[in-house]
Amino acid sequence: ARPEDGFTTSPRRGAVLRWFSWRRNGFLLHPDAVV
C-alpha cells in the first residue's frame, strides 16, 4: 500500500478486525470495474 495508489483503505480503528492488513485493505472504483 502507498498513499498515491488511489485506493480507499480502512481507518486506523480497522486494525481491531484486520491486525496486519488494515493499511492495505481497500477498494478502488473505476467506471469499468470495482477493484
ModelCIF file with pLDDT and N, C-alpha, C, O atoms, coordinates in Angstrom:
data_MODEL
#
_entry.id   MODEL 
#
_entity.id                         1 
_entity.type                       polymer 
_entity.pdbx_number_of_molecules   1 
#
_entity_poly.entity_id                      1 
_entity_poly.type                           'polypeptide(L)' 
_entity_poly.nstd_linkage                   no 
_entity_poly.nstd_monomer                   no 
_entity_poly.pdbx_seq_one_letter_code       ARPEDGFTTSPRRGAVLRWFSWRRNGFLLHPDAVV 
_entity_poly.pdbx_seq_one_letter_code_can   ARPEDGFTTSPRRGAVLRWFSWRRNGFLLHPDAVV 
_entity_poly.pdbx_strand_id                 A 
#
loop_
_entity_poly_seq.entity_id 
_entity_poly_seq.num 
_entity_poly_seq.mon_id 
_entity_poly_seq.hetero 
1 1  ALA n 
1 2  ARG n 
1 3  PRO n 
1 4  GLU n 
1 5  ASP n 
1 6  GLY n 
1 7  PHE n 
1 8  THR n 
1 9  THR n 
1 10 SER n 
1 11 PRO n 
1 12 ARG n 
1 13 ARG n 
1 14 GLY n 
1 15 ALA n 
1 16 VAL n 
1 17 LEU n 
1 18 ARG n 
1 19 TRP n 
1 20 PHE n 
1 21 SER n 
1 22 TRP n 
1 23 ARG n 
1 24 ARG n 
1 25 ASN n 
1 26 GLY n 
1 27 PHE n 
1 28 LEU n 
1 29 LEU n 
1 30 HIS n 
1 31 PRO n 
1 32 ASP n 
1 33 ALA n 
1 34 VAL n 
1 35 VAL n 
#
_struct_asym.id          A 
_struct_asym.entity_id   1 
#
loop_
_ma_qa_metric.id 
_ma_qa_metric.mode 
_ma_qa_metric.name 
_ma_qa_metric.software_group_id 
_ma_qa_metric.type 
1 global pLDDT . pLDDT 
2 local  pLDDT . pLDDT 
#
_ma_qa_metric_global.metric_id      1 
_ma_qa_metric_global.metric_value   88.69 
_ma_qa_metric_global.model_id       1 
_ma_qa_metric_global.ordinal_id     1 
#
loop_
_ma_qa_metric_local.label_asym_id 
_ma_qa_metric_local.label_comp_id 
_ma_qa_metric_local.label_seq_id 
_ma_qa_metric_local.metric_id 
_ma_qa_metric_local.metric_value 
_ma_qa_metric_local.model_id 
_ma_qa_metric_local.ordinal_id 
A ALA 1  2 80.00 1 1  
A ARG 2  2 81.00 1 2  
A PRO 3  2 78.00 1 3  
A GLU 4  2 78.00 1 4  
A ASP 5  2 81.00 1 5  
A GLY 6  2 83.00 1 6  
A PHE 7  2 91.00 1 7  
A THR 8  2 91.00 1 8  
A THR 9  2 91.00 1 9  
A SER 10 2 93.00 1 10 
A PRO 11 2 93.00 1 11 
A ARG 12 2 93.00 1 12 
A ARG 13 2 93.00 1 13 
A GLY 14 2 92.00 1 14 
A ALA 15 2 91.00 1 15 
A VAL 16 2 92.00 1 16 
A LEU 17 2 91.00 1 17 
A ARG 18 2 90.00 1 18 
A TRP 19 2 89.00 1 19 
A PHE 20 2 89.00 1 20 
A SER 21 2 89.00 1 21 
A TRP 22 2 90.00 1 22 
A ARG 23 2 90.00 1 23 
A ARG 24 2 90.00 1 24 
A ASN 25 2 93.00 1 25 
A GLY 26 2 92.00 1 26 
A PHE 27 2 93.00 1 27 
A LEU 28 2 91.00 1 28 
A LEU 29 2 89.00 1 29 
A HIS 30 2 86.00 1 30 
A PRO 31 2 83.00 1 31 
A ASP 32 2 85.00 1 32 
A ALA 33 2 89.00 1 33 
A VAL 34 2 92.00 1 34 
A VAL 35 2 92.00 1 35 
#
loop_
_atom_site.group_PDB 
_atom_site.id 
_atom_site.type_symbol 
_atom_site.label_atom_id 
_atom_site.label_alt_id 
_atom_site.label_comp_id 
_atom_site.label_asym_id 
_atom_site.label_entity_id 
_atom_site.label_seq_id 
_atom_site.pdbx_PDB_ins_code 
_atom_site.Cartn_x 
_atom_site.Cartn_y 
_atom_site.Cartn_z 
_atom_site.occupancy 
_atom_site.B_iso_or_equiv 
_atom_site.pdbx_formal_charge 
_atom_site.auth_seq_id 
_atom_site.auth_comp_id 
_atom_site.auth_asym_id 
_atom_site.auth_atom_id 
_atom_site.pdbx_PDB_model_num 
ATOM 1   N N  . ALA A 1 1  ? 0.828   -1.202 0.000   1.00 80.00 ? 1  ALA A N  1 
ATOM 2   C CA . ALA A 1 1  ? 0.000   0.000  0.000   1.00 80.00 ? 1  ALA A CA 1 
ATOM 3   C C  . ALA A 1 1  ? 0.862   1.251  0.000   1.00 80.00 ? 1  ALA A C  1 
ATOM 4   O O  . ALA A 1 1  ? 1.868   1.334  0.704   1.00 80.00 ? 1  ALA A O  1 
ATOM 5   N N  . ARG A 1 2  ? 0.441   2.237  -0.816  1.00 81.00 ? 2  ARG A N  1 
ATOM 6   C CA . ARG A 1 2  ? 1.102   3.532  -0.898  1.00 81.00 ? 2  ARG A CA 1 
ATOM 7   C C  . ARG A 1 2  ? 0.038   4.622  -0.898  1.00 81.00 ? 2  ARG A C  1 
ATOM 8   O O  . ARG A 1 2  ? -1.073  4.384  -1.372  1.00 81.00 ? 2  ARG A O  1 
ATOM 9   N N  . PRO A 1 3  ? 0.342   5.806  -0.385  1.00 78.00 ? 3  PRO A N  1 
ATOM 10  C CA . PRO A 1 3  ? -0.676  6.873  -0.347  1.00 78.00 ? 3  PRO A CA 1 
ATOM 11  C C  . PRO A 1 3  ? -1.156  7.291  -1.724  1.00 78.00 ? 3  PRO A C  1 
ATOM 12  O O  . PRO A 1 3  ? -2.299  7.727  -1.866  1.00 78.00 ? 3  PRO A O  1 
ATOM 13  N N  . GLU A 1 4  ? -0.308  7.169  -2.749  1.00 78.00 ? 4  GLU A N  1 
ATOM 14  C CA . GLU A 1 4  ? -0.677  7.659  -4.085  1.00 78.00 ? 4  GLU A CA 1 
ATOM 15  C C  . GLU A 1 4  ? -1.252  6.573  -4.980  1.00 78.00 ? 4  GLU A C  1 
ATOM 16  O O  . GLU A 1 4  ? -1.419  6.807  -6.177  1.00 78.00 ? 4  GLU A O  1 
ATOM 17  N N  . ASP A 1 5  ? -1.566  5.381  -4.444  1.00 81.00 ? 5  ASP A N  1 
ATOM 18  C CA . ASP A 1 5  ? -2.045  4.297  -5.316  1.00 81.00 ? 5  ASP A CA 1 
ATOM 19  C C  . ASP A 1 5  ? -3.519  4.424  -5.674  1.00 81.00 ? 5  ASP A C  1 
ATOM 20  O O  . ASP A 1 5  ? -4.015  3.669  -6.511  1.00 81.00 ? 5  ASP A O  1 
ATOM 21  N N  . GLY A 1 6  ? -4.241  5.379  -5.046  1.00 83.00 ? 6  GLY A N  1 
ATOM 22  C CA . GLY A 1 6  ? -5.632  5.611  -5.412  1.00 83.00 ? 6  GLY A CA 1 
ATOM 23  C C  . GLY A 1 6  ? -6.645  4.775  -4.667  1.00 83.00 ? 6  GLY A C  1 
ATOM 24  O O  . GLY A 1 6  ? -7.842  4.923  -4.911  1.00 83.00 ? 6  GLY A O  1 
ATOM 25  N N  . PHE A 1 7  ? -6.220  3.893  -3.759  1.00 91.00 ? 7  PHE A N  1 
ATOM 26  C CA . PHE A 1 7  ? -7.148  3.026  -3.039  1.00 91.00 ? 7  PHE A CA 1 
ATOM 27  C C  . PHE A 1 7  ? -7.655  3.718  -1.775  1.00 91.00 ? 7  PHE A C  1 
ATOM 28  O O  . PHE A 1 7  ? -6.909  4.422  -1.094  1.00 91.00 ? 7  PHE A O  1 
ATOM 29  N N  . THR A 1 8  ? -8.924  3.509  -1.477  1.00 91.00 ? 8  THR A N  1 
ATOM 30  C CA . THR A 1 8  ? -9.515  3.957  -0.222  1.00 91.00 ? 8  THR A CA 1 
ATOM 31  C C  . THR A 1 8  ? -9.379  2.824  0.780   1.00 91.00 ? 8  THR A C  1 
ATOM 32  O O  . THR A 1 8  ? -9.972  1.763  0.588   1.00 91.00 ? 8  THR A O  1 
ATOM 33  N N  . THR A 1 9  ? -8.616  3.022  1.838   1.00 91.00 ? 9  THR A N  1 
ATOM 34  C CA . THR A 1 9  ? -8.270  1.945  2.760   1.00 91.00 ? 9  THR A CA 1 
ATOM 35  C C  . THR A 1 9  ? -9.046  2.062  4.068   1.00 91.00 ? 9  THR A C  1 
ATOM 36  O O  . THR A 1 9  ? -9.775  3.026  4.298   1.00 91.00 ? 9  THR A O  1 
ATOM 37  N N  . SER A 1 10 ? -8.868  1.054  4.912   1.00 93.00 ? 10 SER A N  1 
ATOM 38  C CA . SER A 1 10 ? -9.537  1.020  6.210   1.00 93.00 ? 10 SER A CA 1 
ATOM 39  C C  . SER A 1 10 ? -8.957  2.093  7.126   1.00 93.00 ? 10 SER A C  1 
ATOM 40  O O  . SER A 1 10 ? -7.774  2.417  7.024   1.00 93.00 ? 10 SER A O  1 
ATOM 41  N N  . PRO A 1 11 ? -9.777  2.645  8.018   1.00 93.00 ? 11 PRO A N  1 
ATOM 42  C CA . PRO A 1 11 ? -9.239  3.593  9.004   1.00 93.00 ? 11 PRO A CA 1 
ATOM 43  C C  . PRO A 1 11 ? -8.390  2.854  10.046  1.00 93.00 ? 11 PRO A C  1 
ATOM 44  O O  . PRO A 1 11 ? -8.354  1.624  10.070  1.00 93.00 ? 11 PRO A O  1 
ATOM 45  N N  . ARG A 1 12 ? -7.713  3.618  10.899  1.00 93.00 ? 12 ARG A N  1 
ATOM 46  C CA . ARG A 1 12 ? -6.829  3.012  11.888  1.00 93.00 ? 12 ARG A CA 1 
ATOM 47  C C  . ARG A 1 12 ? -7.599  2.093  12.844  1.00 93.00 ? 12 ARG A C  1 
ATOM 48  O O  . ARG A 1 12 ? -7.072  1.071  13.283  1.00 93.00 ? 12 ARG A O  1 
ATOM 49  N N  . ARG A 1 13 ? -8.834  2.453  13.161  1.00 93.00 ? 13 ARG A N  1 
ATOM 50  C CA . ARG A 1 13 ? -9.606  1.597  14.068  1.00 93.00 ? 13 ARG A CA 1 
ATOM 51  C C  . ARG A 1 13 ? -9.954  0.259  13.424  1.00 93.00 ? 13 ARG A C  1 
ATOM 52  O O  . ARG A 1 13 ? -10.381 -0.670 14.110  1.00 93.00 ? 13 ARG A O  1 
ATOM 53  N N  . GLY A 1 14 ? -9.770  0.156  12.093  1.00 92.00 ? 14 GLY A N  1 
ATOM 54  C CA . GLY A 1 14 ? -9.998  -1.127 11.436  1.00 92.00 ? 14 GLY A CA 1 
ATOM 55  C C  . GLY A 1 14 ? -8.968  -2.170 11.814  1.00 92.00 ? 14 GLY A C  1 
ATOM 56  O O  . GLY A 1 14 ? -9.156  -3.352 11.523  1.00 92.00 ? 14 GLY A O  1 
ATOM 57  N N  . ALA A 1 15 ? -7.857  -1.753 12.471  1.00 91.00 ? 15 ALA A N  1 
ATOM 58  C CA . ALA A 1 15 ? -6.845  -2.715 12.903  1.00 91.00 ? 15 ALA A CA 1 
ATOM 59  C C  . ALA A 1 15 ? -7.387  -3.679 13.945  1.00 91.00 ? 15 ALA A C  1 
ATOM 60  O O  . ALA A 1 15 ? -6.802  -4.737 14.172  1.00 91.00 ? 15 ALA A O  1 
ATOM 61  N N  . VAL A 1 16 ? -8.505  -3.325 14.586  1.00 92.00 ? 16 VAL A N  1 
ATOM 62  C CA . VAL A 1 16 ? -9.119  -4.256 15.535  1.00 92.00 ? 16 VAL A CA 1 
ATOM 63  C C  . VAL A 1 16 ? -9.581  -5.519 14.824  1.00 92.00 ? 16 VAL A C  1 
ATOM 64  O O  . VAL A 1 16 ? -9.511  -6.606 15.397  1.00 92.00 ? 16 VAL A O  1 
ATOM 65  N N  . LEU A 1 17 ? -10.050 -5.398 13.591  1.00 91.00 ? 17 LEU A N  1 
ATOM 66  C CA . LEU A 1 17 ? -10.528 -6.539 12.805  1.00 91.00 ? 17 LEU A CA 1 
ATOM 67  C C  . LEU A 1 17 ? -9.499  -7.027 11.799  1.00 91.00 ? 17 LEU A C  1 
ATOM 68  O O  . LEU A 1 17 ? -9.499  -8.203 11.435  1.00 91.00 ? 17 LEU A O  1 
ATOM 69  N N  . ARG A 1 18 ? -8.628  -6.145 11.348  1.00 90.00 ? 18 ARG A N  1 
ATOM 70  C CA . ARG A 1 18 ? -7.594  -6.513 10.368  1.00 90.00 ? 18 ARG A CA 1 
ATOM 71  C C  . ARG A 1 18 ? -6.242  -6.130 10.974  1.00 90.00 ? 18 ARG A C  1 
ATOM 72  O O  . ARG A 1 18 ? -5.722  -5.046 10.710  1.00 90.00 ? 18 ARG A O  1 
ATOM 73  N N  . TRP A 1 19 ? -5.685  -7.015 11.775  1.00 89.00 ? 19 TRP A N  1 
ATOM 74  C CA . TRP A 1 19 ? -4.497  -6.682 12.548  1.00 89.00 ? 19 TRP A CA 1 
ATOM 75  C C  . TRP A 1 19 ? -3.329  -6.241 11.676  1.00 89.00 ? 19 TRP A C  1 
ATOM 76  O O  . TRP A 1 19 ? -2.686  -5.225 11.937  1.00 89.00 ? 19 TRP A O  1 
ATOM 77  N N  . PHE A 1 20 ? -3.071  -7.023 10.639  1.00 89.00 ? 20 PHE A N  1 
ATOM 78  C CA . PHE A 1 20 ? -1.895  -6.763 9.819   1.00 89.00 ? 20 PHE A CA 1 
ATOM 79  C C  . PHE A 1 20 ? -2.213  -6.054 8.507   1.00 89.00 ? 20 PHE A C  1 
ATOM 80  O O  . PHE A 1 20 ? -1.346  -5.389 7.939   1.00 89.00 ? 20 PHE A O  1 
ATOM 81  N N  . SER A 1 21 ? -3.431  -6.185 8.025   1.00 89.00 ? 21 SER A N  1 
ATOM 82  C CA . SER A 1 21 ? -3.732  -5.742 6.661   1.00 89.00 ? 21 SER A CA 1 
ATOM 83  C C  . SER A 1 21 ? -4.562  -4.475 6.584   1.00 89.00 ? 21 SER A C  1 
ATOM 84  O O  . SER A 1 21 ? -4.985  -4.100 5.491   1.00 89.00 ? 21 SER A O  1 
ATOM 85  N N  . TRP A 1 22 ? -4.818  -3.788 7.715   1.00 90.00 ? 22 TRP A N  1 
ATOM 86  C CA . TRP A 1 22 ? -5.722  -2.636 7.644   1.00 90.00 ? 22 TRP A CA 1 
ATOM 87  C C  . TRP A 1 22 ? -5.168  -1.523 6.748   1.00 90.00 ? 22 TRP A C  1 
ATOM 88  O O  . TRP A 1 22 ? -5.940  -0.781 6.142   1.00 90.00 ? 22 TRP A O  1 
ATOM 89  N N  . ARG A 1 23 ? -3.828  -1.398 6.659   1.00 90.00 ? 23 ARG A N  1 
ATOM 90  C CA . ARG A 1 23 ? -3.263  -0.378 5.780   1.00 90.00 ? 23 ARG A CA 1 
ATOM 91  C C  . ARG A 1 23 ? -3.443  -0.733 4.305   1.00 90.00 ? 23 ARG A C  1 
ATOM 92  O O  . ARG A 1 23 ? -3.539  0.153  3.455   1.00 90.00 ? 23 ARG A O  1 
ATOM 93  N N  . ARG A 1 24 ? -3.487  -2.024 4.007   1.00 90.00 ? 24 ARG A N  1 
ATOM 94  C CA . ARG A 1 24 ? -3.593  -2.468 2.610   1.00 90.00 ? 24 ARG A CA 1 
ATOM 95  C C  . ARG A 1 24 ? -5.035  -2.756 2.217   1.00 90.00 ? 24 ARG A C  1 
ATOM 96  O O  . ARG A 1 24 ? -5.363  -2.748 1.030   1.00 90.00 ? 24 ARG A O  1 
ATOM 97  N N  . ASN A 1 25 ? -5.879  -3.003 3.172   1.00 93.00 ? 25 ASN A N  1 
ATOM 98  C CA . ASN A 1 25 ? -7.273  -3.366 2.929   1.00 93.00 ? 25 ASN A CA 1 
ATOM 99  C C  . ASN A 1 25 ? -8.016  -2.161 2.353   1.00 93.00 ? 25 ASN A C  1 
ATOM 100 O O  . ASN A 1 25 ? -8.233  -1.172 3.054   1.00 93.00 ? 25 ASN A O  1 
ATOM 101 N N  . GLY A 1 26 ? -8.411  -2.241 1.065   1.00 92.00 ? 26 GLY A N  1 
ATOM 102 C CA . GLY A 1 26 ? -9.074  -1.093 0.465   1.00 92.00 ? 26 GLY A CA 1 
ATOM 103 C C  . GLY A 1 26 ? -9.698  -1.401 -0.872  1.00 92.00 ? 26 GLY A C  1 
ATOM 104 O O  . GLY A 1 26 ? -9.632  -2.529 -1.360  1.00 92.00 ? 26 GLY A O  1 
ATOM 105 N N  . PHE A 1 27 ? -10.313 -0.378 -1.467  1.00 93.00 ? 27 PHE A N  1 
ATOM 106 C CA . PHE A 1 27 ? -11.017 -0.544 -2.742  1.00 93.00 ? 27 PHE A CA 1 
ATOM 107 C C  . PHE A 1 27 ? -10.704 0.629  -3.656  1.00 93.00 ? 27 PHE A C  1 
ATOM 108 O O  . PHE A 1 27 ? -10.233 1.683  -3.229  1.00 93.00 ? 27 PHE A O  1 
ATOM 109 N N  . LEU A 1 28 ? -10.987 0.397  -4.937  1.00 91.00 ? 28 LEU A N  1 
ATOM 110 C CA . LEU A 1 28 ? -10.847 1.423  -5.963  1.00 91.00 ? 28 LEU A CA 1 
ATOM 111 C C  . LEU A 1 28 ? -11.982 1.229  -6.954  1.00 91.00 ? 28 LEU A C  1 
ATOM 112 O O  . LEU A 1 28 ? -12.171 0.133  -7.481  1.00 91.00 ? 28 LEU A O  1 
ATOM 113 N N  . LEU A 1 29 ? -12.724 2.274  -7.206  1.00 89.00 ? 29 LEU A N  1 
ATOM 114 C CA . LEU A 1 29 ? -13.865 2.202  -8.133  1.00 89.00 ? 29 LEU A CA 1 
ATOM 115 C C  . LEU A 1 29 ? -13.505 2.906  -9.428  1.00 89.00 ? 29 LEU A C  1 
ATOM 116 O O  . LEU A 1 29 ? -13.221 4.104  -9.462  1.00 89.00 ? 29 LEU A O  1 
ATOM 117 N N  . HIS A 1 30 ? -13.530 2.107  -10.504 1.00 86.00 ? 30 HIS A N  1 
ATOM 118 C CA . HIS A 1 30 ? -13.303 2.620  -11.853 1.00 86.00 ? 30 HIS A CA 1 
ATOM 119 C C  . HIS A 1 30 ? -14.626 2.505  -12.608 1.00 86.00 ? 30 HIS A C  1 
ATOM 120 O O  . HIS A 1 30 ? -15.425 1.627  -12.283 1.00 86.00 ? 30 HIS A O  1 
ATOM 121 N N  . PRO A 1 31 ? -14.888 3.344  -13.588 1.00 83.00 ? 31 PRO A N  1 
ATOM 122 C CA . PRO A 1 31 ? -16.158 3.215  -14.320 1.00 83.00 ? 31 PRO A CA 1 
ATOM 123 C C  . PRO A 1 31 ? -16.396 1.828  -14.906 1.00 83.00 ? 31 PRO A C  1 
ATOM 124 O O  . PRO A 1 31 ? -17.543 1.423  -15.091 1.00 83.00 ? 31 PRO A O  1 
ATOM 125 N N  . ASP A 1 32 ? -15.330 1.104  -15.198 1.00 85.00 ? 32 ASP A N  1 
ATOM 126 C CA . ASP A 1 32 ? -15.486 -0.215 -15.813 1.00 85.00 ? 32 ASP A CA 1 
ATOM 127 C C  . ASP A 1 32 ? -15.333 -1.374 -14.839 1.00 85.00 ? 32 ASP A C  1 
ATOM 128 O O  . ASP A 1 32 ? -15.681 -2.501 -15.191 1.00 85.00 ? 32 ASP A O  1 
ATOM 129 N N  . ALA A 1 33 ? -14.830 -1.148 -13.638 1.00 89.00 ? 33 ALA A N  1 
ATOM 130 C CA . ALA A 1 33 ? -14.577 -2.260 -12.721 1.00 89.00 ? 33 ALA A CA 1 
ATOM 131 C C  . ALA A 1 33 ? -14.452 -1.754 -11.294 1.00 89.00 ? 33 ALA A C  1 
ATOM 132 O O  . ALA A 1 33 ? -14.116 -0.597 -11.044 1.00 89.00 ? 33 ALA A O  1 
ATOM 133 N N  . VAL A 1 34 ? -14.738 -2.672 -10.357 1.00 92.00 ? 34 VAL A N  1 
ATOM 134 C CA . VAL A 1 34 ? -14.500 -2.443 -8.938  1.00 92.00 ? 34 VAL A CA 1 
ATOM 135 C C  . VAL A 1 34 ? -13.309 -3.314 -8.541  1.00 92.00 ? 34 VAL A C  1 
ATOM 136 O O  . VAL A 1 34 ? -13.312 -4.522 -8.776  1.00 92.00 ? 34 VAL A O  1 
ATOM 137 N N  . VAL A 1 35 ? -12.302 -2.701 -7.945  1.00 92.00 ? 35 VAL A N  1 
ATOM 138 C CA . VAL A 1 35 ? -11.076 -3.403 -7.563  1.00 92.00 ? 35 VAL A CA 1 
ATOM 139 C C  . VAL A 1 35 ? -11.019 -3.456 -6.043  1.00 92.00 ? 35 VAL A C  1 
ATOM 140 O O  . VAL A 1 35 ? -10.070 -4.003 -5.480  1.00 92.00 ? 35 VAL A O  1 
#
